[in-house]
């Protein structure tokens, strides 16, 4: 009896590559059948190039690596694939600036993650990895699973947004095919990353985010050094104080303030003297004193015992006594 292979289809790189070629062909045919004439022509060929340029270039990549020439120059083809997605990332970023929406943001994040994932996977075991010191990149801290499942989450989110915003059946079909293509491409990179880890090829990486944080902290600390800031503040305050003093001396503001103060004090003293003279002239003090005496003299005095007597009468009246 033949032994059954325990390897699942999504763990087989050859199966994933074949599926990618097939799904890209289906996407190109379906998308063009919706927008292009049925008869083949130069216009149809130009339409395919305009609407599916990324898919066509990725299709060329996977077709070549199926043959010996692609396997021989595998690293060069990897550089070609990274360049394609780098251009796609720039294009999606410009699209975000031109048309800001959840759809364009998710598309940019997806392409950005692919570029990071490809650079830190497909460049391994190449001269570029050592020449650009990519082993010191802090993004090597992110695991293979983290990259792959991040792409899965973003692609599923993008699919949900596209399905909500799409009102025609052809848009639904293209969105589902695109999502399936992204999942397969991410799986292809995942398997190659896993292969490199298993072979321990350029797996000793030094870069991490802690070093970046420390360098940023040191640079900020140097820029925002407390002593330098205090000196600058003191210099600025001294300069402002000197300019203010020069302006005061130049315009004679001190003299103006002193003259104004003297005038105010003199005016208040003059008003006080005039009020006192008016009071003496009219005899207002004597009138006030005479009025006060009259009020005191004419105020009636209460007789002692009268309130108590009235209270007794009221009490007897309430009790019914005579």
Protein backbone atom coordinates (compact mmCIF):
# COMPACT_ATOMS: atom_id res chain seq x y z
CA UNK A 1 0.00 0.00 0.00
CA UNK A 2 1.15 3.49 -0.75
CA UNK A 3 1.72 5.78 2.18
CA UNK A 4 -0.55 8.76 2.21
CA UNK A 5 1.18 12.09 2.46
CA UNK A 6 0.37 13.93 5.68
CA UNK A 7 1.24 17.31 4.15
CA UNK A 8 -1.82 19.49 3.66
CA UNK A 9 -2.31 21.40 0.43
CA UNK A 10 -1.71 24.82 2.03
CA UNK A 11 1.69 23.62 3.31
CA UNK A 12 2.85 22.58 -0.17
CA UNK A 13 4.67 25.39 -1.99
CA UNK A 14 4.18 23.77 -5.40
CA UNK A 15 0.41 23.53 -4.89
CA UNK A 16 0.24 27.14 -3.70
CA UNK A 17 2.20 28.30 -6.76
CA UNK A 18 -0.10 26.42 -9.13
CA UNK A 19 -3.19 27.85 -7.43
CA UNK A 20 -1.75 31.35 -7.68
CA UNK A 21 -1.20 31.01 -11.42
CA UNK A 22 -4.75 29.74 -11.83
CA UNK A 23 -6.39 32.42 -9.66
CA UNK A 24 -4.49 35.22 -11.45
CA UNK A 25 -5.65 33.93 -14.82
CA UNK A 26 -9.26 33.75 -13.56
CA UNK A 27 -9.05 37.32 -12.19
CA UNK A 28 -7.72 38.69 -15.49
CA UNK A 29 -10.32 36.86 -17.57
CA UNK A 30 -13.23 37.74 -15.28
CA UNK A 31 -12.31 41.41 -14.88
CA UNK A 32 -11.85 41.91 -18.60
CA UNK A 33 -14.98 40.00 -19.54
CA UNK A 34 -16.96 42.57 -17.53
CA UNK A 35 -15.40 45.66 -19.08
CA UNK A 36 -14.02 44.70 -22.48
CA UNK A 37 -15.62 43.58 -25.76
CA UNK A 38 -16.03 39.90 -26.38
CA UNK A 39 -13.92 39.88 -29.58
CA UNK A 40 -10.16 39.97 -29.09
CA UNK A 41 -8.51 43.15 -30.35
CA UNK A 42 -5.70 45.57 -29.65
CA UNK A 43 -8.06 47.51 -27.37
CA UNK A 44 -8.66 44.37 -25.30
CA UNK A 45 -4.94 43.76 -24.93
CA UNK A 46 -4.35 47.39 -23.85
CA UNK A 47 -7.23 47.13 -21.38
CA UNK A 48 -5.70 44.03 -19.85
CA UNK A 49 -2.37 45.80 -19.44
CA UNK A 50 -3.99 48.88 -17.84
CA UNK A 51 -6.34 47.14 -15.41
CA UNK A 52 -4.26 44.12 -14.44
CA UNK A 53 -0.65 45.19 -14.74
CA UNK A 54 0.26 43.96 -11.23
CA UNK A 55 -1.47 40.62 -11.77
CA UNK A 56 0.28 40.16 -15.12
CA UNK A 57 3.72 40.86 -13.67
CA UNK A 58 3.11 38.54 -10.72
CA UNK A 59 1.86 35.90 -13.17
CA UNK A 60 5.14 36.19 -15.11
CA UNK A 61 7.07 35.73 -11.84
CA UNK A 62 5.25 32.52 -10.86
CA UNK A 63 5.37 31.11 -14.37
CA UNK A 64 9.15 31.53 -14.53
CA UNK A 65 9.87 29.97 -11.12
CA UNK A 66 8.02 26.85 -12.32
CA UNK A 67 10.81 26.27 -14.83
CA UNK A 68 14.56 25.61 -14.31
CA UNK A 69 15.51 29.16 -15.42
CA UNK A 70 13.34 30.60 -12.65
CA UNK A 71 14.81 28.27 -10.05
CA UNK A 72 18.32 29.15 -11.17
CA UNK A 73 17.75 32.91 -10.90
CA UNK A 74 15.25 32.66 -8.07
CA UNK A 75 16.76 35.52 -6.04
CA UNK A 76 16.67 37.88 -9.02
CA UNK A 77 13.02 37.10 -9.60
CA UNK A 78 12.39 37.81 -5.92
CA UNK A 79 13.86 41.29 -6.35
CA UNK A 80 11.54 41.71 -9.32
CA UNK A 81 8.50 40.74 -7.21
CA UNK A 82 9.46 43.12 -4.40
CA UNK A 83 9.89 45.94 -6.90
CA UNK A 84 6.37 45.29 -8.25
CA UNK A 85 4.81 45.54 -4.81
CA UNK A 86 6.91 48.55 -3.91
CA UNK A 87 5.41 50.38 -6.89
CA UNK A 88 1.96 49.12 -5.87
CA UNK A 89 2.51 50.50 -2.36
CA UNK A 90 3.51 53.94 -3.73
CA UNK A 91 0.47 53.93 -6.00
CA UNK A 92 -1.88 53.01 -3.15
CA UNK A 93 -0.37 55.75 -0.97
CA UNK A 94 -1.03 58.34 -3.68
CA UNK A 95 -4.56 56.97 -3.97
CA UNK A 96 -5.09 57.55 -0.22
CA UNK A 97 -4.03 61.18 -0.65
CA UNK A 98 -6.31 61.63 -3.64
CA UNK A 99 -9.31 59.71 -2.29
CA UNK A 100 -9.26 59.19 1.49
CA UNK A 101 -11.51 56.28 2.47
CA UNK A 102 -11.46 53.06 4.46
CA UNK A 103 -11.01 51.09 1.26
CA UNK A 104 -7.90 52.98 0.13
CA UNK A 105 -6.38 52.94 3.64
CA UNK A 106 -6.74 49.15 3.94
CA UNK A 107 -5.33 48.70 0.44
CA UNK A 108 -2.25 50.77 1.36
CA UNK A 109 -1.75 48.88 4.64
CA UNK A 110 -2.01 45.58 2.77
CA UNK A 111 0.65 46.58 0.21
CA UNK A 112 2.89 48.02 2.93
CA UNK A 113 2.73 44.77 4.91
CA UNK A 114 3.56 42.80 1.77
CA UNK A 115 6.64 44.94 1.07
CA UNK A 116 7.88 44.50 4.66
CA UNK A 117 7.15 40.78 4.57
CA UNK A 118 8.88 40.26 1.23
CA UNK A 119 11.96 42.32 2.07
CA UNK A 120 12.48 40.45 5.36
CA UNK A 121 11.87 37.06 3.74
CA UNK A 122 12.83 37.01 0.05
CA UNK A 123 16.06 38.98 0.60
CA UNK A 124 17.35 36.45 3.11
CA UNK A 125 20.11 34.16 1.85
CA UNK A 126 21.13 36.82 -0.69
CA UNK A 127 23.97 39.33 -0.92
CA UNK A 128 21.49 42.19 -0.52
CA UNK A 129 20.66 40.97 2.99
CA UNK A 130 24.26 41.48 4.06
CA UNK A 131 25.01 44.56 1.96
CA UNK A 132 22.06 46.51 3.37
CA UNK A 133 22.58 45.13 6.91
CA UNK A 134 18.99 43.89 7.00
CA UNK A 135 19.91 41.57 9.85
CA UNK A 136 19.83 44.70 12.04
CA UNK A 137 16.33 45.68 10.98
CA UNK A 138 13.94 45.91 13.95
CA UNK A 139 11.19 44.35 11.81
CA UNK A 140 12.97 41.00 12.15
CA UNK A 141 11.42 40.93 15.62
CA UNK A 142 8.03 40.35 14.03
CA UNK A 143 7.42 36.64 13.63
CA UNK A 144 6.42 34.78 10.49
CA UNK A 145 2.97 34.10 11.95
CA UNK A 146 2.51 37.79 12.83
CA UNK A 147 3.17 38.90 9.25
CA UNK A 148 0.92 36.27 7.70
CA UNK A 149 -2.06 36.68 10.03
CA UNK A 150 -1.82 40.47 9.81
CA UNK A 151 -2.18 40.19 6.04
CA UNK A 152 -5.10 37.77 6.51
CA UNK A 153 -6.91 40.19 8.84
CA UNK A 154 -6.35 43.22 6.59
CA UNK A 155 -7.37 41.35 3.42
CA UNK A 156 -10.56 40.05 5.07
CA UNK A 157 -11.35 43.58 6.29
CA UNK A 158 -10.82 44.92 2.79
CA UNK A 159 -13.07 42.20 1.38
CA UNK A 160 -15.83 43.14 3.84
CA UNK A 161 -15.59 46.82 2.87
CA UNK A 162 -15.67 45.97 -0.83
CA UNK A 163 -18.69 43.70 -0.42
CA UNK A 164 -20.57 46.41 1.47
CA UNK A 165 -19.79 49.10 -1.09
CA UNK A 166 -20.32 46.90 -4.18
CA UNK A 167 -23.79 46.92 -5.74
CA UNK A 168 -23.21 44.62 -8.75
CA UNK A 169 -22.47 40.91 -8.84
CA UNK A 170 -19.29 41.31 -10.90
CA UNK A 171 -17.79 43.48 -8.16
CA UNK A 172 -18.55 40.80 -5.57
CA UNK A 173 -16.86 38.11 -7.68
CA UNK A 174 -13.72 40.20 -8.30
CA UNK A 175 -13.45 41.15 -4.61
CA UNK A 176 -13.63 37.48 -3.51
CA UNK A 177 -11.04 36.46 -6.12
CA UNK A 178 -8.71 39.29 -5.03
CA UNK A 179 -8.97 38.21 -1.39
CA UNK A 180 -8.24 34.59 -2.31
CA UNK A 181 -5.21 35.72 -4.32
CA UNK A 182 -3.86 37.77 -1.37
CA UNK A 183 -4.25 34.83 1.02
CA UNK A 184 -2.40 32.50 -1.38
CA UNK A 185 0.42 34.99 -1.99
CA UNK A 186 0.82 35.52 1.75
CA UNK A 187 0.90 31.76 2.26
CA UNK A 188 3.60 31.39 -0.40
CA UNK A 189 5.85 33.90 1.40
CA UNK A 190 5.02 32.24 4.74
CA UNK A 191 6.20 28.84 3.48
CA UNK A 192 9.46 30.29 2.13
CA UNK A 193 10.09 32.11 5.43
CA UNK A 194 9.44 28.85 7.28
CA UNK A 195 11.88 27.06 4.95
CA UNK A 196 14.63 29.63 5.69
CA UNK A 197 14.07 29.28 9.44
CA UNK A 198 14.22 25.50 9.17
CA UNK A 199 17.52 25.69 7.27
CA UNK A 200 18.75 28.42 9.67
CA UNK A 201 19.67 30.70 6.77
CA UNK A 202 20.39 34.25 8.00
CA UNK A 203 18.32 33.58 11.09
CA UNK A 204 20.70 35.27 13.53
CA UNK A 205 19.32 38.79 13.52
CA UNK A 206 20.45 41.54 15.87
CA UNK A 207 18.00 44.35 15.26
CA UNK A 208 15.16 45.04 17.67
CA UNK A 209 12.79 47.83 18.55
CA UNK A 210 14.41 48.42 21.96
CA UNK A 211 17.55 49.76 20.28
CA UNK A 212 15.46 52.13 18.17
CA UNK A 213 13.59 53.38 21.24
CA UNK A 214 16.85 53.98 23.12
CA UNK A 215 18.38 55.89 20.22
CA UNK A 216 15.27 58.05 19.84
CA UNK A 217 15.25 58.72 23.57
CA UNK A 218 18.93 59.70 23.54
CA UNK A 219 18.45 62.06 20.59
CA UNK A 220 15.42 63.69 22.18
CA UNK A 221 17.30 64.03 25.46
CA UNK A 222 20.18 65.77 23.70
CA UNK A 223 17.89 68.15 21.86
CA UNK A 224 15.81 68.89 24.94
CA UNK A 225 18.70 69.16 27.37
CA UNK A 226 17.46 71.13 30.38
CA UNK A 227 20.58 73.26 30.86
CA UNK A 228 20.65 74.39 27.25
CA UNK A 229 16.97 75.26 27.34
CA UNK A 230 17.39 77.27 30.56
CA UNK A 231 20.29 79.17 29.06
CA UNK A 232 18.32 79.96 25.92
CA UNK A 233 15.33 81.09 27.97
CA UNK A 234 17.54 83.33 30.14
CA UNK A 235 19.23 84.81 27.10
CA UNK A 236 15.88 85.49 25.47
CA UNK A 237 14.44 87.08 28.62
CA UNK A 238 17.53 89.25 29.07
CA UNK A 239 17.32 90.38 25.45
CA UNK A 240 13.63 91.25 25.83
CA UNK A 241 14.30 93.13 29.08
CA UNK A 242 17.09 95.15 27.46
CA UNK A 243 14.89 96.05 24.50
CA UNK A 244 12.06 97.13 26.80
CA UNK A 245 14.41 99.30 28.87
CA UNK A 246 15.88 100.86 25.75
CA UNK A 247 12.40 101.61 24.45
CA UNK A 248 11.39 103.19 27.79
CA UNK A 249 14.52 105.34 27.88
CA UNK A 250 14.15 106.32 24.25
CA UNK A 251 10.51 107.40 24.54
CA UNK A 252 10.86 108.95 28.03
CA UNK A 253 8.08 106.78 29.40
CA UNK A 254 9.43 107.07 32.96
CA UNK A 255 9.02 110.85 32.90
CA UNK A 256 5.53 110.59 31.46
CA UNK A 257 4.50 108.12 34.18
CA UNK A 258 5.96 110.30 36.96
CA UNK A 259 4.25 113.45 35.61
CA UNK A 260 0.94 111.63 35.35
CA UNK A 261 1.26 110.32 38.92
CA UNK A 262 2.03 113.81 40.25
CA UNK A 263 -0.98 115.25 38.42
CA UNK A 264 -3.30 112.60 39.83
CA UNK A 265 -2.06 113.17 43.38
CA UNK A 266 -2.35 116.97 42.97
CA UNK A 267 -5.87 116.68 41.58
CA UNK A 268 -6.99 114.47 44.47
CA UNK A 269 -5.59 116.94 47.02
CA UNK A 270 -7.37 119.84 45.27
CA UNK A 271 -10.69 117.97 45.33
CA UNK A 272 -10.25 117.22 49.03
CA UNK A 273 -9.54 120.89 49.86
CA UNK A 274 -12.57 122.07 47.89
CA UNK A 275 -14.86 119.60 49.68
CA UNK A 276 -13.61 120.73 53.10
CA UNK A 277 -14.06 124.41 52.13
CA UNK A 278 -17.59 123.72 50.95
CA UNK A 279 -18.46 121.97 54.24
CA UNK A 280 -17.05 124.87 56.31
CA UNK A 281 -18.70 127.50 54.13
CA UNK A 282 -22.18 126.01 54.31
CA UNK A 283 -21.93 124.94 57.94
CA UNK A 284 -22.88 121.38 57.13
CA UNK A 285 -21.23 120.04 60.31
CA UNK A 286 -23.48 122.25 62.51
CA UNK A 287 -26.60 121.22 60.57
CA UNK A 288 -25.75 117.52 60.99
CA UNK A 289 -25.11 117.93 64.75
CA UNK A 290 -28.35 119.95 65.28
CA UNK A 291 -30.38 117.31 63.35
CA UNK A 292 -28.89 114.50 65.41
CA UNK A 293 -29.81 116.28 68.70
CA UNK A 294 -33.39 116.84 67.53
CA UNK A 295 -33.81 113.15 66.65
CA UNK A 296 -32.51 112.06 70.07
CA UNK A 297 -34.67 114.65 71.96
CA UNK A 298 -37.92 113.77 70.17
CA UNK A 299 -37.59 109.99 70.52
CA UNK A 300 -40.36 108.79 73.08
CA UNK A 301 -39.23 106.78 76.12
CA UNK A 302 -41.01 103.56 77.06
CA UNK A 303 -42.60 103.30 80.50
CA UNK A 304 -41.46 100.54 82.75
CA UNK A 305 -44.05 97.97 83.66
CA UNK A 306 -46.48 98.78 80.84
CA UNK A 307 -45.62 95.77 78.72
CA UNK A 308 -45.87 93.45 81.73
CA UNK A 309 -49.30 94.81 82.66
CA UNK A 310 -50.61 94.30 79.12
CA UNK A 311 -49.21 90.79 79.08
CA UNK A 312 -50.99 90.02 82.37
CA UNK A 313 -54.30 91.28 80.97
CA UNK A 314 -53.89 89.18 77.85
CA UNK A 315 -53.04 86.08 79.88
CA UNK A 316 -56.15 86.59 82.14
CA UNK A 317 -58.34 87.11 79.07
CA UNK A 318 -57.10 83.81 77.56
CA UNK A 319 -57.84 81.98 80.86
CA UNK A 320 -61.27 83.59 81.16
CA UNK A 321 -60.46 85.48 84.32
CA UNK A 322 -61.77 88.99 85.08
